[in-house]
Amino acid sequence: MNAFYKLDAQSLEIAERLAVQSEGAAAVCELAFGHTTLAKSLAFSTTLSHYLGIDSDENAVASATMDFSEDDRFDFSCVTLQDWHPSASFDVCTASRIFHHLPPEDATSVLRKMATAIGHAGRLILLDSL
């Protein structure tokens, strides 16, 4: 991890775990990316071909878009999880610390969308306290 990015210890640990789980993945989708911790870790990956970060916070999306403007592998979209409809296939789809905020029916819907996004060969990586 590049020292340029200042992350709190818990976020750094999570990002490193997710990056290891995502290693070798060509396409990664992260829901509710927040501070772009995982994206910053994956920026150094030589196997990454595409990263899509989804978040409903316009400021987070604008900031991430600016931070990664020179790396065309990274895209960010401002959309709620309920309104997100995957339009691409990913090797890994991940979400960290979001499901405990969602009503059960929304959580189920988002999980179904994530499963659709990865197809049969992809990996679904979730980190949460339910």
Protein backbone atom coordinates (compact mmCIF):
# COMPACT_ATOMS: atom_id res chain seq x y z
CA MET A 1 0.00 0.00 0.00
CA ASN A 2 1.35 3.39 -0.97
CA ALA A 3 2.00 5.64 2.04
CA PHE A 4 0.52 8.54 0.05
CA TYR A 5 -2.95 7.37 1.05
CA LYS A 6 -3.68 8.03 4.71
CA LEU A 7 -6.19 5.51 5.97
CA ASP A 8 -7.36 4.64 9.46
CA ALA A 9 -6.11 1.26 10.68
CA GLN A 10 -9.46 -0.54 10.33
CA SER A 11 -10.05 0.76 6.80
CA LEU A 12 -6.53 -0.19 5.80
CA GLU A 13 -6.96 -3.72 7.14
CA ILE A 14 -10.28 -4.15 5.33
CA ALA A 15 -8.86 -2.76 2.09
CA GLU A 16 -5.87 -5.07 2.26
CA ARG A 17 -8.10 -8.11 2.87
CA LEU A 18 -10.42 -7.16 0.03
CA ALA A 19 -7.50 -6.44 -2.29
CA VAL A 20 -6.03 -9.88 -1.56
CA GLN A 21 -9.43 -11.50 -2.23
CA SER A 22 -9.71 -9.47 -5.43
CA GLU A 23 -6.18 -10.20 -6.65
CA GLY A 24 -6.20 -11.56 -10.14
CA ALA A 25 -9.64 -10.13 -10.83
CA ALA A 26 -9.92 -8.17 -14.03
CA ALA A 27 -13.17 -6.38 -13.18
CA VAL A 28 -14.28 -5.29 -9.71
CA CYS A 29 -17.51 -3.61 -8.62
CA GLU A 30 -17.67 -2.04 -5.16
CA LEU A 31 -20.96 -0.90 -3.67
CA ALA A 32 -20.98 2.09 -1.31
CA PHE A 33 -17.25 2.73 -1.82
CA GLY A 34 -17.13 5.67 0.60
CA HIS A 35 -13.51 6.80 0.94
CA THR A 36 -12.24 4.74 -2.04
CA THR A 37 -10.12 2.63 0.29
CA LEU A 38 -10.38 -0.50 -1.85
CA ALA A 39 -9.93 1.45 -5.09
CA LYS A 40 -6.74 2.98 -3.71
CA SER A 41 -5.45 -0.50 -2.89
CA LEU A 42 -6.41 -1.87 -6.29
CA ALA A 43 -4.79 1.05 -8.11
CA PHE A 44 -1.50 -0.83 -7.81
CA SER A 45 -2.89 -4.08 -9.23
CA THR A 46 -1.48 -5.08 -12.60
CA THR A 47 -4.38 -7.45 -13.28
CA LEU A 48 -7.19 -4.93 -12.80
CA SER A 49 -8.84 -3.90 -16.06
CA HIS A 50 -11.94 -2.19 -14.68
CA TYR A 51 -13.21 -0.94 -11.31
CA LEU A 52 -16.72 0.42 -10.87
CA GLY A 53 -17.52 2.20 -7.64
CA ILE A 54 -21.17 2.78 -6.76
CA ASP A 55 -22.22 5.27 -4.09
CA SER A 56 -25.21 7.51 -3.45
CA ASP A 57 -23.07 10.35 -2.06
CA GLU A 58 -22.56 12.90 -4.83
CA ASN A 59 -19.54 14.43 -3.08
CA ALA A 60 -17.84 11.04 -2.69
CA VAL A 61 -18.43 10.25 -6.37
CA ALA A 62 -17.14 13.66 -7.50
CA SER A 63 -14.05 13.37 -5.30
CA ALA A 64 -13.29 9.82 -6.44
CA THR A 65 -13.77 10.76 -10.08
CA MET A 66 -11.26 13.56 -9.65
CA ASP A 67 -8.79 11.42 -7.68
CA PHE A 68 -8.76 8.71 -10.36
CA SER A 69 -9.13 10.96 -13.40
CA GLU A 70 -5.78 9.86 -14.84
CA ASP A 71 -6.52 6.14 -14.59
CA ASP A 72 -9.10 5.04 -17.15
CA ARG A 73 -9.61 1.70 -15.39
CA PHE A 74 -11.70 3.44 -12.73
CA ASP A 75 -15.32 4.59 -13.05
CA PHE A 76 -17.63 5.93 -10.36
CA SER A 77 -21.40 6.25 -10.46
CA CYS A 78 -23.76 8.14 -8.19
CA VAL A 79 -26.79 5.91 -7.67
CA THR A 80 -28.62 4.41 -4.70
CA LEU A 81 -28.28 0.68 -4.15
CA GLN A 82 -32.00 0.30 -4.72
CA ASP A 83 -31.73 2.05 -8.12
CA TRP A 84 -28.51 0.30 -9.19
CA HIS A 85 -28.95 -2.21 -12.00
CA PRO A 86 -25.73 -3.93 -13.08
CA SER A 87 -25.07 -3.50 -16.77
CA ALA A 88 -21.73 -5.31 -16.89
CA SER A 89 -20.18 -8.52 -15.65
CA PHE A 90 -17.58 -8.49 -12.87
CA ASP A 91 -15.09 -10.98 -11.49
CA VAL A 92 -15.65 -9.59 -8.00
CA CYS A 93 -18.53 -7.65 -6.52
CA THR A 94 -17.99 -6.38 -2.99
CA ALA A 95 -19.78 -4.41 -0.31
CA SER A 96 -18.45 -3.40 3.06
CA ARG A 97 -20.48 -2.20 6.03
CA ILE A 98 -23.74 -1.47 4.21
CA PHE A 99 -26.20 -4.30 4.73
CA HIS A 100 -26.93 -3.56 8.36
CA HIS A 101 -28.27 -0.17 7.19
CA LEU A 102 -30.75 -1.72 4.75
CA PRO A 103 -34.21 -3.11 5.42
CA PRO A 104 -34.27 -6.88 4.83
CA GLU A 105 -36.15 -6.62 1.53
CA ASP A 106 -33.62 -4.07 0.16
CA ALA A 107 -30.69 -6.18 1.37
CA THR A 108 -32.12 -9.21 -0.43
CA SER A 109 -32.63 -7.20 -3.61
CA VAL A 110 -29.08 -5.82 -3.54
CA LEU A 111 -27.62 -9.30 -2.94
CA ARG A 112 -29.56 -10.61 -5.94
CA LYS A 113 -28.22 -7.77 -8.09
CA MET A 114 -24.67 -8.48 -6.91
CA ALA A 115 -25.09 -12.18 -7.74
CA THR A 116 -26.33 -11.22 -11.20
CA ALA A 117 -23.32 -8.92 -11.67
CA ILE A 118 -20.81 -11.70 -11.00
CA GLY A 119 -22.55 -14.54 -12.81
CA HIS A 120 -21.49 -18.13 -12.10
CA ALA A 121 -17.72 -17.69 -12.05
CA GLY A 122 -17.39 -14.49 -10.01
CA ARG A 123 -16.77 -13.87 -6.34
CA LEU A 124 -19.08 -12.07 -3.98
CA ILE A 125 -17.22 -10.51 -1.02
CA LEU A 126 -19.25 -9.08 1.84
CA LEU A 127 -18.10 -7.57 5.08
CA ASP A 128 -20.72 -6.55 7.59
CA SER A 129 -22.18 -7.12 10.99
CA LEU A 130 -25.71 -8.36 10.52
